[in-house]
Amino acid sequence: SSSSSSSSSASAPFTTSRLMAPDDANPSGNVHGGTIMKMIEMAGYVAAMRFLTANRAKDGNGSEGPVKIAITRRLEHMDFMNPMHIGSLAKLRGRVIFAKAEAVLVEVVVHSEN
């Protein structure tokens, strides 16, 4: 996710979960990778926006500057370790692990609870 933050500290994690339904899966009951990627995108966005909102720069009068926006610029790495199935609870944890003037790096980890 990209932004205009000047902090280099990590943020508190954002967690969310969702029960996997038949519409999320193929006929064999395996959840589509795209469904998981969409959940990762949303968790990463929320983590980035919370970080950006909490770290807004002050202007010359001591007032907070405008809220920045986050966009996904690049997905660096993704491994699907095991399949997720209908009825599984997808648990996601996203957090900003690095930030500089024009970019934040967000890590999202997904676990499946049966």
N, C-alpha and C. Protein backbone atom coordinates (compact mmCIF):
# COMPACT_ATOMS: atom_id res chain seq x y z
N SER A 1 0.84 -1.18 0.00
CA SER A 1 0.00 0.00 0.00
C SER A 1 0.88 1.23 0.00
N SER A 2 0.45 2.24 -0.66
CA SER A 2 1.24 3.46 -0.80
C SER A 2 0.60 4.61 -0.04
N SER A 3 1.43 5.53 0.46
CA SER A 3 0.90 6.66 1.22
C SER A 3 1.92 7.75 1.35
N SER A 4 1.58 8.75 2.16
CA SER A 4 2.52 9.82 2.47
C SER A 4 2.69 9.92 3.97
N SER A 5 3.34 8.97 4.57
CA SER A 5 3.59 8.98 6.00
C SER A 5 5.08 9.12 6.23
N SER A 6 5.46 9.73 7.32
CA SER A 6 6.88 9.91 7.58
C SER A 6 7.35 9.10 8.77
N SER A 7 6.52 8.26 9.32
CA SER A 7 6.90 7.45 10.47
C SER A 7 7.54 6.16 10.00
N SER A 8 8.47 5.62 10.77
CA SER A 8 9.08 4.35 10.41
C SER A 8 8.72 3.26 11.41
N SER A 9 7.78 3.53 12.30
CA SER A 9 7.43 2.54 13.31
C SER A 9 6.33 1.62 12.81
N ALA A 10 6.27 0.44 13.39
CA ALA A 10 5.22 -0.52 13.06
C ALA A 10 3.94 -0.12 13.77
N SER A 11 2.84 -0.75 13.37
CA SER A 11 1.56 -0.41 13.96
C SER A 11 0.97 -1.59 14.70
N ALA A 12 -0.06 -1.32 15.49
CA ALA A 12 -0.79 -2.39 16.16
C ALA A 12 -1.52 -3.20 15.10
N PRO A 13 -1.62 -4.51 15.28
CA PRO A 13 -2.27 -5.33 14.25
C PRO A 13 -3.77 -5.10 14.16
N PHE A 14 -4.30 -5.31 12.96
CA PHE A 14 -5.73 -5.32 12.69
C PHE A 14 -6.10 -6.77 12.44
N THR A 15 -7.12 -7.24 13.12
CA THR A 15 -7.55 -8.62 12.92
C THR A 15 -9.01 -8.66 12.50
N THR A 16 -9.33 -9.63 11.67
CA THR A 16 -10.69 -9.85 11.22
C THR A 16 -10.85 -11.33 10.90
N SER A 17 -12.08 -11.78 10.78
CA SER A 17 -12.32 -13.17 10.43
C SER A 17 -13.59 -13.27 9.60
N ARG A 18 -13.70 -14.39 8.89
CA ARG A 18 -14.86 -14.62 8.04
C ARG A 18 -15.06 -16.12 7.85
N LEU A 19 -16.29 -16.57 7.97
CA LEU A 19 -16.63 -17.97 7.75
C LEU A 19 -16.73 -18.21 6.25
N MET A 20 -16.05 -19.24 5.77
CA MET A 20 -16.05 -19.55 4.34
C MET A 20 -17.35 -20.27 3.96
N ALA A 21 -18.02 -19.76 2.93
CA ALA A 21 -19.33 -20.26 2.50
C ALA A 21 -19.20 -20.99 1.16
N PRO A 22 -20.25 -21.70 0.77
CA PRO A 22 -20.21 -22.41 -0.53
C PRO A 22 -19.90 -21.49 -1.72
N ASP A 23 -20.37 -20.25 -1.70
CA ASP A 23 -20.08 -19.32 -2.79
C ASP A 23 -18.59 -18.96 -2.89
N ASP A 24 -17.82 -19.22 -1.84
CA ASP A 24 -16.39 -18.90 -1.82
C ASP A 24 -15.54 -20.02 -2.41
N ALA A 25 -16.14 -21.15 -2.74
CA ALA A 25 -15.36 -22.35 -3.06
C ALA A 25 -15.74 -22.96 -4.41
N ASN A 26 -14.88 -23.85 -4.87
CA ASN A 26 -15.15 -24.62 -6.08
C ASN A 26 -16.02 -25.83 -5.72
N PRO A 27 -16.44 -26.63 -6.71
CA PRO A 27 -17.30 -27.78 -6.41
C PRO A 27 -16.69 -28.81 -5.45
N SER A 28 -15.36 -28.82 -5.32
CA SER A 28 -14.70 -29.74 -4.39
C SER A 28 -14.68 -29.23 -2.96
N GLY A 29 -15.14 -28.00 -2.75
CA GLY A 29 -15.18 -27.42 -1.41
C GLY A 29 -13.95 -26.63 -1.02
N ASN A 30 -12.99 -26.48 -1.96
CA ASN A 30 -11.79 -25.69 -1.68
C ASN A 30 -12.07 -24.21 -1.97
N VAL A 31 -11.72 -23.36 -1.03
CA VAL A 31 -11.93 -21.91 -1.20
C VAL A 31 -11.03 -21.40 -2.31
N HIS A 32 -11.59 -20.56 -3.19
CA HIS A 32 -10.84 -19.97 -4.30
C HIS A 32 -9.71 -19.08 -3.76
N GLY A 33 -8.56 -19.14 -4.40
CA GLY A 33 -7.44 -18.27 -4.04
C GLY A 33 -7.80 -16.80 -4.16
N GLY A 34 -8.62 -16.46 -5.15
CA GLY A 34 -9.03 -15.07 -5.33
C GLY A 34 -9.86 -14.55 -4.18
N THR A 35 -10.65 -15.43 -3.57
CA THR A 35 -11.44 -15.04 -2.39
C THR A 35 -10.50 -14.67 -1.24
N ILE A 36 -9.48 -15.48 -1.06
CA ILE A 36 -8.50 -15.22 0.00
C ILE A 36 -7.72 -13.95 -0.30
N MET A 37 -7.34 -13.76 -1.57
CA MET A 37 -6.61 -12.55 -1.95
C MET A 37 -7.44 -11.29 -1.71
N LYS A 38 -8.72 -11.35 -1.98
CA LYS A 38 -9.59 -10.18 -1.73
C LYS A 38 -9.65 -9.86 -0.24
N MET A 39 -9.73 -10.89 0.61
CA MET A 39 -9.74 -10.65 2.06
C MET A 39 -8.41 -10.04 2.51
N ILE A 40 -7.31 -10.51 1.92
CA ILE A 40 -5.98 -9.96 2.24
C ILE A 40 -5.92 -8.49 1.86
N GLU A 41 -6.44 -8.17 0.67
CA GLU A 41 -6.45 -6.77 0.21
C GLU A 41 -7.20 -5.87 1.19
N MET A 42 -8.36 -6.32 1.64
CA MET A 42 -9.16 -5.50 2.56
C MET A 42 -8.49 -5.36 3.92
N ALA A 43 -7.92 -6.43 4.45
CA ALA A 43 -7.23 -6.35 5.74
C ALA A 43 -6.02 -5.43 5.64
N GLY A 44 -5.29 -5.52 4.54
CA GLY A 44 -4.13 -4.64 4.34
C GLY A 44 -4.53 -3.18 4.23
N TYR A 45 -5.65 -2.93 3.55
CA TYR A 45 -6.14 -1.56 3.41
C TYR A 45 -6.51 -0.97 4.78
N VAL A 46 -7.25 -1.73 5.57
CA VAL A 46 -7.65 -1.23 6.89
C VAL A 46 -6.43 -0.97 7.76
N ALA A 47 -5.46 -1.89 7.76
CA ALA A 47 -4.25 -1.69 8.55
C ALA A 47 -3.51 -0.44 8.11
N ALA A 48 -3.38 -0.25 6.79
CA ALA A 48 -2.68 0.93 6.27
C ALA A 48 -3.42 2.22 6.61
N MET A 49 -4.73 2.25 6.43
CA MET A 49 -5.49 3.47 6.72
C MET A 49 -5.48 3.82 8.20
N ARG A 50 -5.56 2.83 9.06
CA ARG A 50 -5.47 3.12 10.50
C ARG A 50 -4.11 3.72 10.84
N PHE A 51 -3.06 3.18 10.25
CA PHE A 51 -1.72 3.71 10.46
C PHE A 51 -1.62 5.15 9.97
N LEU A 52 -2.11 5.39 8.74
CA LEU A 52 -2.02 6.73 8.16
C LEU A 52 -2.82 7.75 8.96
N THR A 53 -3.98 7.36 9.42
CA THR A 53 -4.82 8.26 10.22
C THR A 53 -4.15 8.57 11.56
N ALA A 54 -3.55 7.56 12.18
CA ALA A 54 -2.89 7.76 13.48
C ALA A 54 -1.61 8.57 13.36
N ASN A 55 -1.01 8.60 12.17
CA ASN A 55 0.28 9.27 11.99
C ASN A 55 0.20 10.47 11.05
N ARG A 56 -0.94 11.16 11.07
CA ARG A 56 -1.09 12.35 10.22
C ARG A 56 -0.13 13.44 10.67
N ALA A 57 0.46 14.09 9.70
CA ALA A 57 1.41 15.16 9.99
C ALA A 57 0.68 16.41 10.48
N LYS A 58 1.33 17.18 11.30
CA LYS A 58 0.79 18.45 11.79
C LYS A 58 1.22 19.56 10.85
N ASP A 59 0.33 20.53 10.62
CA ASP A 59 0.72 21.67 9.80
C ASP A 59 1.38 22.73 10.69
N GLY A 60 1.71 23.88 10.15
CA GLY A 60 2.39 24.94 10.89
C GLY A 60 1.60 25.47 12.06
N ASN A 61 0.29 25.31 12.07
CA ASN A 61 -0.57 25.79 13.16
C ASN A 61 -0.84 24.71 14.21
N GLY A 62 -0.24 23.54 14.05
CA GLY A 62 -0.47 22.45 15.00
C GLY A 62 -1.70 21.62 14.69
N SER A 63 -2.38 21.92 13.59
CA SER A 63 -3.55 21.13 13.19
C SER A 63 -3.10 19.93 12.37
N GLU A 64 -3.90 18.87 12.45
CA GLU A 64 -3.58 17.69 11.67
C GLU A 64 -3.82 17.96 10.19
N GLY A 65 -2.93 17.44 9.36
CA GLY A 65 -3.08 17.59 7.92
C GLY A 65 -4.17 16.67 7.41
N PRO A 66 -4.36 16.67 6.10
CA PRO A 66 -5.42 15.84 5.52
C PRO A 66 -5.12 14.35 5.68
N VAL A 67 -6.18 13.56 5.71
CA VAL A 67 -6.03 12.11 5.77
C VAL A 67 -5.50 11.63 4.42
N LYS A 68 -4.50 10.79 4.45
CA LYS A 68 -3.94 10.24 3.22
C LYS A 68 -4.75 9.02 2.81
N ILE A 69 -4.55 8.56 1.59
CA ILE A 69 -5.23 7.36 1.14
C ILE A 69 -4.20 6.27 0.86
N ALA A 70 -4.65 5.04 0.88
CA ALA A 70 -3.78 3.90 0.60
C ALA A 70 -4.25 3.19 -0.65
N ILE A 71 -3.30 2.79 -1.46
CA ILE A 71 -3.59 1.95 -2.63
C ILE A 71 -2.58 0.81 -2.64
N THR A 72 -2.96 -0.30 -3.24
CA THR A 72 -2.02 -1.40 -3.37
C THR A 72 -1.17 -1.16 -4.60
N ARG A 73 0.11 -1.06 -4.40
CA ARG A 73 1.04 -0.85 -5.50
C ARG A 73 1.66 -2.17 -5.95
N ARG A 74 1.89 -3.07 -4.98
CA ARG A 74 2.58 -4.31 -5.32
C ARG A 74 2.29 -5.36 -4.25
N LEU A 75 2.16 -6.58 -4.69
CA LEU A 75 2.08 -7.73 -3.80
C LEU A 75 3.40 -8.47 -3.95
N GLU A 76 4.20 -8.47 -2.89
CA GLU A 76 5.55 -9.02 -3.00
C GLU A 76 5.62 -10.53 -2.94
N HIS A 77 4.78 -11.15 -2.11
CA HIS A 77 4.95 -12.58 -1.90
C HIS A 77 3.67 -13.18 -1.34
N MET A 78 3.30 -14.36 -1.84
CA MET A 78 2.14 -15.06 -1.31
C MET A 78 2.35 -16.56 -1.48
N ASP A 79 2.17 -17.30 -0.40
CA ASP A 79 2.23 -18.76 -0.44
C ASP A 79 0.93 -19.31 0.11
N PHE A 80 0.33 -20.23 -0.62
CA PHE A 80 -0.83 -20.96 -0.12
C PHE A 80 -0.28 -22.27 0.43
N MET A 81 -0.23 -22.39 1.74
CA MET A 81 0.39 -23.55 2.38
C MET A 81 -0.54 -24.77 2.40
N ASN A 82 -1.81 -24.55 2.67
CA ASN A 82 -2.80 -25.62 2.75
C ASN A 82 -4.12 -25.10 2.22
N PRO A 83 -4.97 -25.99 1.70
CA PRO A 83 -6.27 -25.51 1.22
C PRO A 83 -7.17 -25.09 2.38
N MET A 84 -8.06 -24.16 2.09
CA MET A 84 -9.09 -23.74 3.04
C MET A 84 -10.41 -24.27 2.48
N HIS A 85 -11.31 -24.70 3.36
CA HIS A 85 -12.53 -25.36 2.91
C HIS A 85 -13.79 -24.64 3.40
N ILE A 86 -14.90 -24.96 2.75
CA ILE A 86 -16.20 -24.46 3.19
C ILE A 86 -16.37 -24.80 4.67
N GLY A 87 -16.84 -23.85 5.45
CA GLY A 87 -17.03 -24.05 6.88
C GLY A 87 -15.84 -23.65 7.73
N SER A 88 -14.68 -23.42 7.10
CA SER A 88 -13.50 -22.96 7.84
C SER A 88 -13.66 -21.49 8.19
N LEU A 89 -13.06 -21.11 9.30
CA LEU A 89 -13.03 -19.71 9.69
C LEU A 89 -11.69 -19.13 9.26
N ALA A 90 -11.72 -18.20 8.32
CA ALA A 90 -10.50 -17.52 7.88
C ALA A 90 -10.21 -16.40 8.87
N LYS A 91 -9.02 -16.42 9.45
CA LYS A 91 -8.60 -15.39 10.40
C LYS A 91 -7.42 -14.65 9.79
N LEU A 92 -7.55 -13.33 9.67
CA LEU A 92 -6.52 -12.50 9.06
C LEU A 92 -5.97 -11.51 10.07
N ARG A 93 -4.67 -11.30 9.99
CA ARG A 93 -3.99 -10.33 10.86
C ARG A 93 -3.11 -9.46 9.97
N GLY A 94 -3.42 -8.18 9.91
CA GLY A 94 -2.65 -7.25 9.09
C GLY A 94 -2.02 -6.18 9.95
N ARG A 95 -0.79 -5.80 9.58
CA ARG A 95 -0.13 -4.72 10.32
C ARG A 95 0.92 -4.06 9.44
N VAL A 96 1.13 -2.79 9.69
CA VAL A 96 2.19 -2.05 9.01
C VAL A 96 3.50 -2.45 9.69
N ILE A 97 4.44 -2.92 8.88
CA ILE A 97 5.73 -3.32 9.45
C ILE A 97 6.86 -2.36 9.10
N PHE A 98 6.60 -1.43 8.17
CA PHE A 98 7.58 -0.41 7.81
C PHE A 98 6.87 0.74 7.13
N ALA A 99 7.35 1.95 7.35
CA ALA A 99 6.79 3.12 6.67
C ALA A 99 7.89 4.13 6.41
N LYS A 100 7.75 4.81 5.28
CA LYS A 100 8.63 5.94 4.97
C LYS A 100 7.78 7.02 4.32
N ALA A 101 8.38 8.07 3.80
CA ALA A 101 7.65 9.24 3.34
C ALA A 101 6.52 8.93 2.36
N GLU A 102 6.71 8.05 1.41
CA GLU A 102 5.71 7.81 0.38
C GLU A 102 5.20 6.37 0.31
N ALA A 103 5.52 5.53 1.29
CA ALA A 103 5.09 4.14 1.20
C ALA A 103 4.99 3.51 2.58
N VAL A 104 4.07 2.57 2.69
CA VAL A 104 4.00 1.73 3.88
C VAL A 104 4.02 0.28 3.41
N LEU A 105 4.64 -0.57 4.20
CA LEU A 105 4.70 -1.99 3.92
C LEU A 105 3.78 -2.68 4.92
N VAL A 106 2.79 -3.39 4.40
CA VAL A 106 1.79 -4.06 5.24
C VAL A 106 1.98 -5.57 5.11
N GLU A 107 1.99 -6.25 6.23
CA GLU A 107 2.04 -7.71 6.26
C GLU A 107 0.66 -8.22 6.67
N VAL A 108 0.13 -9.18 5.90
CA VAL A 108 -1.14 -9.82 6.25
C VAL A 108 -0.89 -11.32 6.32
N VAL A 109 -1.24 -11.91 7.44
CA VAL A 109 -1.10 -13.36 7.63
C VAL A 109 -2.50 -13.95 7.77
N VAL A 110 -2.73 -15.05 7.07
CA VAL A 110 -4.05 -15.71 7.07
C VAL A 110 -3.89 -17.09 7.69
N HIS A 111 -4.80 -17.43 8.59
CA HIS A 111 -4.87 -18.76 9.18
C HIS A 111 -6.28 -19.30 9.02
N SER A 112 -6.39 -20.60 8.91
CA SER A 112 -7.69 -21.25 8.80
C SER A 112 -7.96 -22.03 10.07
N GLU A 113 -9.14 -21.81 10.62
CA GLU A 113 -9.56 -22.54 11.83
C GLU A 113 -10.76 -23.41 11.43
N ASN A 114 -10.61 -24.70 11.67
CA ASN A 114 -11.69 -25.62 11.31
C ASN A 114 -12.68 -25.81 12.44
